[in-house]
Amino acid sequence: MTTNPPYTQKLLIAIEDAEGFRPMPYLDSRGHLTIGYGHKLPASTPTDGPTVPPSYSFDNAHILLKDDIAEACLVVAHLFPQLISRCVRTDVLIELAFILGGGPQGLPSWTRLIDAVNRANPIDVAWEILNSKAFRQIPERLLTLALRYLTRRY
């Protein structure tokens, strides 16, 4: 029996398109060592010499991507237990958790955004996305997410 993933196919495609596939390790816009579709490697991963991680196949990267999105889903479920449906706005929050991470410096640190979601205020949610340090690092992507949250459309 196959279970449905806790995210939509549109979200998977949106993240694939935004991240792009890179088979070799690289530094992302925030300086994290990354591979595949934005999969962050441990900070202890060597960047040169004989122990550099090997290139990843498309299939391996896709498995990591799905695992990373599932982890982001858990972050969103923990922060917003009232969000039970898979919809565009939930997908935006999952993508934010994918980008920012679920640790103390990640999405959980966005307290004003969390408050705006809990107040069901989409304008304030969009404003918090656009008024963030992350927006200054990846403006095009976060503008897309803010508009997606407001319009409920991909």
N, C-alpha and C. Protein backbone atom coordinates (compact mmCIF):
# COMPACT_ATOMS: atom_id res chain seq x y z
N MET A 1 0.84 -1.19 0.00
CA MET A 1 0.00 0.00 0.00
C MET A 1 0.89 1.25 0.00
N THR A 2 0.60 2.18 -0.89
CA THR A 2 1.37 3.40 -1.00
C THR A 2 0.68 4.51 -0.21
N THR A 3 1.46 5.24 0.57
CA THR A 3 0.90 6.37 1.30
C THR A 3 1.24 7.66 0.55
N ASN A 4 0.36 8.62 0.66
CA ASN A 4 0.60 9.90 0.02
C ASN A 4 1.61 10.69 0.83
N PRO A 5 2.52 11.39 0.14
CA PRO A 5 3.48 12.22 0.88
C PRO A 5 2.74 13.39 1.54
N PRO A 6 3.35 13.97 2.59
CA PRO A 6 2.69 15.07 3.29
C PRO A 6 2.85 16.42 2.58
N TYR A 7 3.09 16.39 1.28
CA TYR A 7 3.24 17.61 0.49
C TYR A 7 2.66 17.36 -0.90
N THR A 8 2.44 18.43 -1.64
CA THR A 8 1.84 18.28 -2.97
C THR A 8 2.92 18.09 -4.03
N GLN A 9 2.53 17.51 -5.13
CA GLN A 9 3.45 17.33 -6.26
C GLN A 9 3.90 18.68 -6.79
N LYS A 10 3.01 19.68 -6.72
CA LYS A 10 3.38 21.02 -7.19
C LYS A 10 4.52 21.60 -6.35
N LEU A 11 4.50 21.32 -5.04
CA LEU A 11 5.58 21.79 -4.18
C LEU A 11 6.90 21.13 -4.57
N LEU A 12 6.87 19.83 -4.79
CA LEU A 12 8.07 19.11 -5.19
C LEU A 12 8.66 19.72 -6.47
N ILE A 13 7.81 19.97 -7.45
CA ILE A 13 8.26 20.54 -8.71
C ILE A 13 8.78 21.97 -8.51
N ALA A 14 8.10 22.75 -7.68
CA ALA A 14 8.52 24.14 -7.43
C ALA A 14 9.91 24.17 -6.79
N ILE A 15 10.15 23.29 -5.83
CA ILE A 15 11.46 23.26 -5.18
C ILE A 15 12.53 22.76 -6.15
N GLU A 16 12.21 21.73 -6.93
CA GLU A 16 13.15 21.25 -7.95
C GLU A 16 13.55 22.39 -8.89
N ASP A 17 12.56 23.15 -9.35
CA ASP A 17 12.82 24.24 -10.28
C ASP A 17 13.64 25.36 -9.62
N ALA A 18 13.30 25.70 -8.39
CA ALA A 18 13.99 26.79 -7.70
C ALA A 18 15.42 26.41 -7.33
N GLU A 19 15.62 25.19 -6.88
CA GLU A 19 16.95 24.76 -6.44
C GLU A 19 17.84 24.36 -7.60
N GLY A 20 17.28 23.68 -8.58
CA GLY A 20 18.09 23.14 -9.65
C GLY A 20 18.91 21.96 -9.14
N PHE A 21 19.27 21.06 -10.04
CA PHE A 21 20.03 19.87 -9.65
C PHE A 21 21.52 20.12 -9.87
N ARG A 22 22.30 19.87 -8.83
CA ARG A 22 23.75 19.98 -8.92
C ARG A 22 24.37 18.71 -8.35
N PRO A 23 25.03 17.92 -9.18
CA PRO A 23 25.55 16.63 -8.72
C PRO A 23 26.80 16.73 -7.85
N MET A 24 27.47 17.88 -7.85
CA MET A 24 28.69 18.05 -7.06
C MET A 24 28.43 19.04 -5.92
N PRO A 25 29.16 18.91 -4.82
CA PRO A 25 28.98 19.85 -3.70
C PRO A 25 29.27 21.30 -4.13
N TYR A 26 28.52 22.23 -3.56
CA TYR A 26 28.68 23.66 -3.85
C TYR A 26 28.25 24.45 -2.62
N LEU A 27 28.63 25.71 -2.56
CA LEU A 27 28.19 26.59 -1.48
C LEU A 27 26.92 27.30 -1.93
N ASP A 28 25.88 27.23 -1.11
CA ASP A 28 24.63 27.92 -1.46
C ASP A 28 24.76 29.41 -1.16
N SER A 29 23.66 30.15 -1.35
CA SER A 29 23.69 31.61 -1.18
C SER A 29 23.98 32.03 0.25
N ARG A 30 23.82 31.12 1.21
CA ARG A 30 24.09 31.43 2.61
C ARG A 30 25.41 30.83 3.09
N GLY A 31 26.18 30.24 2.15
CA GLY A 31 27.48 29.70 2.49
C GLY A 31 27.48 28.28 3.02
N HIS A 32 26.36 27.57 2.91
CA HIS A 32 26.27 26.18 3.36
C HIS A 32 26.71 25.24 2.25
N LEU A 33 27.49 24.24 2.61
CA LEU A 33 27.88 23.22 1.64
C LEU A 33 26.65 22.40 1.31
N THR A 34 26.35 22.29 0.03
CA THR A 34 25.08 21.77 -0.45
C THR A 34 25.32 20.86 -1.65
N ILE A 35 24.38 19.95 -1.90
CA ILE A 35 24.48 19.06 -3.06
C ILE A 35 23.07 18.71 -3.54
N GLY A 36 22.98 18.27 -4.77
CA GLY A 36 21.68 17.83 -5.30
C GLY A 36 20.71 18.98 -5.46
N TYR A 37 19.54 18.84 -4.85
CA TYR A 37 18.51 19.88 -4.88
C TYR A 37 18.51 20.64 -3.56
N GLY A 38 19.58 21.32 -3.24
CA GLY A 38 19.63 22.12 -2.03
C GLY A 38 19.78 21.33 -0.75
N HIS A 39 20.29 20.11 -0.82
CA HIS A 39 20.48 19.30 0.40
C HIS A 39 21.74 19.78 1.11
N LYS A 40 21.57 20.26 2.34
CA LYS A 40 22.71 20.77 3.11
C LYS A 40 23.51 19.59 3.67
N LEU A 41 24.80 19.63 3.40
CA LEU A 41 25.70 18.62 3.94
C LEU A 41 26.15 19.04 5.34
N PRO A 42 26.55 18.10 6.18
CA PRO A 42 27.03 18.47 7.52
C PRO A 42 28.19 19.45 7.44
N ALA A 43 28.29 20.34 8.41
CA ALA A 43 29.35 21.34 8.43
C ALA A 43 30.73 20.70 8.45
N SER A 44 30.82 19.49 8.95
CA SER A 44 32.11 18.81 9.04
C SER A 44 32.53 18.16 7.73
N THR A 45 31.71 18.26 6.69
CA THR A 45 32.04 17.65 5.40
C THR A 45 33.24 18.36 4.78
N PRO A 46 34.28 17.61 4.41
CA PRO A 46 35.45 18.26 3.79
C PRO A 46 35.11 18.82 2.42
N THR A 47 35.77 19.92 2.06
CA THR A 47 35.50 20.55 0.77
C THR A 47 36.62 20.33 -0.24
N ASP A 48 37.71 19.72 0.21
CA ASP A 48 38.78 19.39 -0.73
C ASP A 48 39.51 18.15 -0.25
N GLY A 49 40.33 17.60 -1.12
CA GLY A 49 41.08 16.40 -0.75
C GLY A 49 40.35 15.13 -1.12
N PRO A 50 40.90 14.00 -0.70
CA PRO A 50 40.35 12.71 -1.13
C PRO A 50 39.03 12.33 -0.47
N THR A 51 38.60 13.05 0.57
CA THR A 51 37.36 12.68 1.25
C THR A 51 36.18 13.56 0.88
N VAL A 52 36.32 14.35 -0.18
CA VAL A 52 35.19 15.15 -0.66
C VAL A 52 34.06 14.19 -1.05
N PRO A 53 32.81 14.54 -0.71
CA PRO A 53 31.70 13.64 -1.08
C PRO A 53 31.67 13.42 -2.58
N PRO A 54 31.31 12.22 -3.01
CA PRO A 54 31.22 11.96 -4.45
C PRO A 54 30.03 12.70 -5.04
N SER A 55 30.01 12.76 -6.35
CA SER A 55 28.85 13.38 -7.00
C SER A 55 27.62 12.51 -6.73
N TYR A 56 26.47 13.13 -6.75
CA TYR A 56 25.22 12.43 -6.51
C TYR A 56 24.51 12.21 -7.83
N SER A 57 23.89 11.06 -7.95
CA SER A 57 23.08 10.81 -9.13
C SER A 57 21.77 11.56 -8.97
N PHE A 58 21.09 11.73 -10.08
CA PHE A 58 19.77 12.37 -10.06
C PHE A 58 18.84 11.61 -9.11
N ASP A 59 18.85 10.29 -9.17
CA ASP A 59 17.96 9.48 -8.32
C ASP A 59 18.29 9.65 -6.84
N ASN A 60 19.57 9.63 -6.49
CA ASN A 60 19.96 9.84 -5.08
C ASN A 60 19.55 11.23 -4.60
N ALA A 61 19.77 12.23 -5.45
CA ALA A 61 19.41 13.59 -5.08
C ALA A 61 17.90 13.73 -4.90
N HIS A 62 17.14 13.04 -5.72
CA HIS A 62 15.69 13.10 -5.62
C HIS A 62 15.20 12.47 -4.31
N ILE A 63 15.84 11.38 -3.90
CA ILE A 63 15.49 10.75 -2.62
C ILE A 63 15.80 11.70 -1.47
N LEU A 64 16.98 12.35 -1.51
CA LEU A 64 17.32 13.33 -0.47
C LEU A 64 16.34 14.49 -0.46
N LEU A 65 15.96 14.96 -1.64
CA LEU A 65 15.00 16.06 -1.73
C LEU A 65 13.68 15.69 -1.05
N LYS A 66 13.17 14.52 -1.37
CA LYS A 66 11.90 14.10 -0.77
C LYS A 66 12.03 13.96 0.74
N ASP A 67 13.16 13.47 1.22
CA ASP A 67 13.40 13.37 2.66
C ASP A 67 13.46 14.76 3.30
N ASP A 68 14.15 15.69 2.62
CA ASP A 68 14.27 17.05 3.15
C ASP A 68 12.91 17.75 3.19
N ILE A 69 12.09 17.53 2.16
CA ILE A 69 10.75 18.13 2.16
C ILE A 69 9.90 17.51 3.27
N ALA A 70 10.00 16.21 3.46
CA ALA A 70 9.25 15.55 4.54
C ALA A 70 9.67 16.10 5.90
N GLU A 71 10.97 16.38 6.07
CA GLU A 71 11.45 16.98 7.32
C GLU A 71 10.88 18.39 7.50
N ALA A 72 10.83 19.15 6.41
CA ALA A 72 10.24 20.49 6.47
C ALA A 72 8.75 20.41 6.81
N CYS A 73 8.08 19.38 6.32
CA CYS A 73 6.66 19.17 6.65
C CYS A 73 6.48 18.97 8.16
N LEU A 74 7.39 18.24 8.76
CA LEU A 74 7.32 18.02 10.22
C LEU A 74 7.49 19.32 10.98
N VAL A 75 8.39 20.17 10.51
CA VAL A 75 8.59 21.48 11.14
C VAL A 75 7.29 22.28 11.09
N VAL A 76 6.68 22.32 9.91
CA VAL A 76 5.44 23.09 9.73
C VAL A 76 4.31 22.48 10.57
N ALA A 77 4.22 21.17 10.60
CA ALA A 77 3.18 20.51 11.41
C ALA A 77 3.36 20.84 12.89
N HIS A 78 4.60 20.92 13.34
CA HIS A 78 4.87 21.26 14.74
C HIS A 78 4.51 22.72 15.04
N LEU A 79 4.89 23.63 14.13
CA LEU A 79 4.64 25.05 14.35
C LEU A 79 3.17 25.44 14.16
N PHE A 80 2.50 24.73 13.25
CA PHE A 80 1.13 25.08 12.88
C PHE A 80 0.23 23.85 12.90
N PRO A 81 -0.05 23.29 14.07
CA PRO A 81 -0.85 22.06 14.11
C PRO A 81 -2.26 22.24 13.55
N GLN A 82 -2.72 23.48 13.44
CA GLN A 82 -4.06 23.73 12.91
C GLN A 82 -4.12 23.57 11.40
N LEU A 83 -2.98 23.55 10.72
CA LEU A 83 -2.96 23.41 9.27
C LEU A 83 -2.97 21.93 8.91
N ILE A 84 -4.14 21.43 8.58
CA ILE A 84 -4.24 20.00 8.30
C ILE A 84 -4.38 19.70 6.81
N SER A 85 -4.70 20.70 6.03
CA SER A 85 -4.90 20.43 4.60
C SER A 85 -3.63 20.75 3.81
N ARG A 86 -3.48 20.04 2.72
CA ARG A 86 -2.38 20.33 1.80
C ARG A 86 -2.89 21.36 0.81
N CYS A 87 -2.42 22.58 0.95
CA CYS A 87 -2.86 23.66 0.07
C CYS A 87 -1.66 24.53 -0.26
N VAL A 88 -1.86 25.52 -1.11
CA VAL A 88 -0.77 26.37 -1.57
C VAL A 88 -0.11 27.08 -0.39
N ARG A 89 -0.89 27.62 0.52
CA ARG A 89 -0.30 28.34 1.65
C ARG A 89 0.52 27.43 2.56
N THR A 90 0.05 26.22 2.77
CA THR A 90 0.83 25.26 3.54
C THR A 90 2.12 24.93 2.80
N ASP A 91 2.03 24.78 1.49
CA ASP A 91 3.22 24.51 0.68
C ASP A 91 4.24 25.64 0.81
N VAL A 92 3.79 26.89 0.86
CA VAL A 92 4.71 28.02 1.02
C VAL A 92 5.46 27.89 2.35
N LEU A 93 4.73 27.55 3.40
CA LEU A 93 5.38 27.40 4.71
C LEU A 93 6.37 26.24 4.70
N ILE A 94 6.01 25.17 4.02
CA ILE A 94 6.92 24.01 3.92
C ILE A 94 8.17 24.42 3.15
N GLU A 95 8.00 25.16 2.07
CA GLU A 95 9.17 25.59 1.30
C GLU A 95 10.04 26.53 2.11
N LEU A 96 9.44 27.40 2.91
CA LEU A 96 10.23 28.25 3.80
C LEU A 96 11.03 27.41 4.79
N ALA A 97 10.39 26.39 5.36
CA ALA A 97 11.10 25.50 6.29
C ALA A 97 12.22 24.76 5.55
N PHE A 98 11.99 24.38 4.31
CA PHE A 98 13.02 23.73 3.49
C PHE A 98 14.22 24.66 3.32
N ILE A 99 13.95 25.92 3.01
CA ILE A 99 15.01 26.90 2.76
C ILE A 99 15.75 27.25 4.05
N LEU A 100 14.99 27.55 5.10
CA LEU A 100 15.56 28.10 6.33
C LEU A 100 16.00 27.05 7.33
N GLY A 101 15.42 25.86 7.23
CA GLY A 101 15.68 24.82 8.21
C GLY A 101 14.70 24.90 9.37
N GLY A 102 14.71 23.86 10.17
CA GLY A 102 13.77 23.79 11.28
C GLY A 102 14.40 24.03 12.63
N GLY A 103 15.69 24.34 12.64
CA GLY A 103 16.39 24.57 13.90
C GLY A 103 16.09 25.94 14.47
N PRO A 104 16.73 26.26 15.59
CA PRO A 104 16.44 27.52 16.28
C PRO A 104 16.68 28.77 15.44
N GLN A 105 17.58 28.70 14.45
CA GLN A 105 17.83 29.85 13.59
C GLN A 105 16.99 29.81 12.32
N GLY A 106 16.20 28.77 12.14
CA GLY A 106 15.40 28.59 10.93
C GLY A 106 14.00 29.16 11.07
N LEU A 107 13.06 28.51 10.44
CA LEU A 107 11.67 28.98 10.45
C LEU A 107 11.12 29.22 11.85
N PRO A 108 11.44 28.38 12.86
CA PRO A 108 10.91 28.65 14.19
C PRO A 108 11.32 30.01 14.77
N SER A 109 12.39 30.61 14.24
CA SER A 109 12.81 31.92 14.73
C SER A 109 12.01 33.07 14.11
N TRP A 110 11.20 32.77 13.12
CA TRP A 110 10.40 33.81 12.47
C TRP A 110 9.10 34.01 13.25
N THR A 111 9.20 34.56 14.42
CA THR A 111 8.05 34.64 15.33
C THR A 111 6.93 35.52 14.80
N ARG A 112 7.26 36.61 14.12
CA ARG A 112 6.20 37.48 13.58
C ARG A 112 5.45 36.79 12.45
N LEU A 113 6.15 36.02 11.62
CA LEU A 113 5.48 35.26 10.57
C LEU A 113 4.58 34.20 11.20
N ILE A 114 5.07 33.50 12.20
CA ILE A 114 4.27 32.47 12.88
C ILE A 114 3.01 33.10 13.47
N ASP A 115 3.17 34.26 14.08
CA ASP A 115 2.01 34.96 14.65
C ASP A 115 1.02 35.35 13.55
N ALA A 116 1.52 35.83 12.42
CA ALA A 116 0.64 36.23 11.30
C ALA A 116 -0.11 35.02 10.75
N VAL A 117 0.57 33.87 10.63
CA VAL A 117 -0.11 32.66 10.17
C VAL A 117 -1.20 32.29 11.17
N ASN A 118 -0.87 32.32 12.44
CA ASN A 118 -1.85 31.95 13.48
C ASN A 118 -3.03 32.91 13.54
N ARG A 119 -2.81 34.15 13.13
CA ARG A 119 -3.91 35.13 13.07
C ARG A 119 -4.64 35.07 11.73
N ALA A 120 -4.20 34.18 10.84
CA ALA A 120 -4.79 34.03 9.50
C ALA A 120 -4.76 35.36 8.75
N ASN A 121 -3.60 36.03 8.80
CA ASN A 121 -3.44 37.32 8.14
C ASN A 121 -2.42 37.18 7.00
N PRO A 122 -2.91 36.87 5.79
CA PRO A 122 -1.98 36.62 4.68
C PRO A 122 -1.14 37.84 4.28
N ILE A 123 -1.67 39.02 4.45
CA ILE A 123 -0.89 40.22 4.11
C ILE A 123 0.32 40.34 5.04
N ASP A 124 0.11 40.12 6.32
CA ASP A 124 1.24 40.17 7.26
C ASP A 124 2.23 39.03 7.02
N VAL A 125 1.73 37.85 6.64
CA VAL A 125 2.64 36.74 6.32
C VAL A 125 3.53 37.14 5.15
N ALA A 126 2.93 37.66 4.10
CA ALA A 126 3.70 38.08 2.93
C ALA A 126 4.70 39.17 3.30
N TRP A 127 4.27 40.12 4.13
CA TRP A 127 5.16 41.20 4.56
C TRP A 127 6.37 40.63 5.31
N GLU A 128 6.15 39.68 6.19
CA GLU A 128 7.26 39.10 6.96
C GLU A 128 8.23 38.37 6.04
N ILE A 129 7.72 37.73 5.00
CA ILE A 129 8.61 37.08 4.03
C ILE A 129 9.47 38.13 3.32
N LEU A 130 8.83 39.23 2.91
CA LEU A 130 9.53 40.26 2.15
C LEU A 130 10.42 41.14 3.02
N ASN A 131 10.15 41.20 4.30
CA ASN A 131 10.90 42.04 5.23
C ASN A 131 11.94 41.23 6.00
N SER A 132 12.47 40.21 5.38
CA SER A 132 13.40 39.31 6.08
C SER A 132 14.81 39.43 5.53
N LYS A 133 15.76 39.00 6.34
CA LYS A 133 17.15 38.92 5.88
C LYS A 133 17.26 37.93 4.71
N ALA A 134 16.50 36.86 4.79
CA ALA A 134 16.52 35.86 3.72
C ALA A 134 16.09 36.48 2.39
N PHE A 135 15.14 37.43 2.43
CA PHE A 135 14.70 38.09 1.20
C PHE A 135 15.86 38.82 0.54
N ARG A 136 16.72 39.42 1.35
CA ARG A 136 17.87 40.13 0.79
C ARG A 136 18.87 39.17 0.15
N GLN A 137 18.84 37.90 0.58
CA GLN A 137 19.76 36.91 0.02
C GLN A 137 19.20 36.23 -1.23
N ILE A 138 17.90 35.96 -1.22
CA ILE A 138 17.27 35.29 -2.36
C ILE A 138 15.93 35.98 -2.67
N PRO A 139 16.01 37.22 -3.15
CA PRO A 139 14.78 38.02 -3.32
C PRO A 139 13.77 37.44 -4.30
N GLU A 140 14.24 36.94 -5.42
CA GLU A 140 13.30 36.46 -6.43
C GLU A 140 12.47 35.28 -5.89
N ARG A 141 13.15 34.37 -5.23
CA ARG A 141 12.45 33.19 -4.72
C ARG A 141 11.46 33.56 -3.62
N LEU A 142 11.86 34.44 -2.71
CA LEU A 142 10.95 34.79 -1.62
C LEU A 142 9.83 35.71 -2.09
N LEU A 143 10.06 36.52 -3.11
CA LEU A 143 8.97 37.29 -3.70
C LEU A 143 7.94 36.33 -4.28
N THR A 144 8.41 35.29 -4.97
CA THR A 144 7.51 34.27 -5.51
C THR A 144 6.70 33.62 -4.39
N LEU A 145 7.34 33.30 -3.28
CA LEU A 145 6.62 32.66 -2.17
C LEU A 145 5.60 33.62 -1.54
N ALA A 146 5.97 34.88 -1.38
CA ALA A 146 5.03 35.86 -0.80
C ALA A 146 3.80 36.00 -1.71
N LEU A 147 4.02 36.10 -3.01
CA LEU A 147 2.90 36.22 -3.95
C LEU A 147 2.06 34.95 -3.97
N ARG A 148 2.72 33.81 -3.90
CA ARG A 148 2.00 32.54 -3.87
C ARG A 148 1.13 32.46 -2.62
N TYR A 149 1.66 32.93 -1.49
CA TYR A 149 0.87 32.89 -0.24
C TYR A 149 -0.35 33.80 -0.35
N LEU A 150 -0.16 34.98 -0.94
CA LEU A 150 -1.28 35.92 -1.07
C LEU A 150 -2.35 35.44 -2.05
N THR A 151 -1.91 34.92 -3.18
CA THR A 151 -2.87 34.57 -4.24
C THR A 151 -3.40 33.15 -4.16
N ARG A 152 -2.71 32.31 -3.37
CA ARG A 152 -3.04 30.89 -3.27
C ARG A 152 -2.92 30.19 -4.62
N ARG A 153 -1.98 30.66 -5.44
CA ARG A 153 -1.78 30.07 -6.77
C ARG A 153 -0.31 29.84 -7.02
N TYR A 154 -0.04 28.75 -7.71
CA TYR A 154 1.32 28.48 -8.16
C TYR A 154 1.61 29.26 -9.41
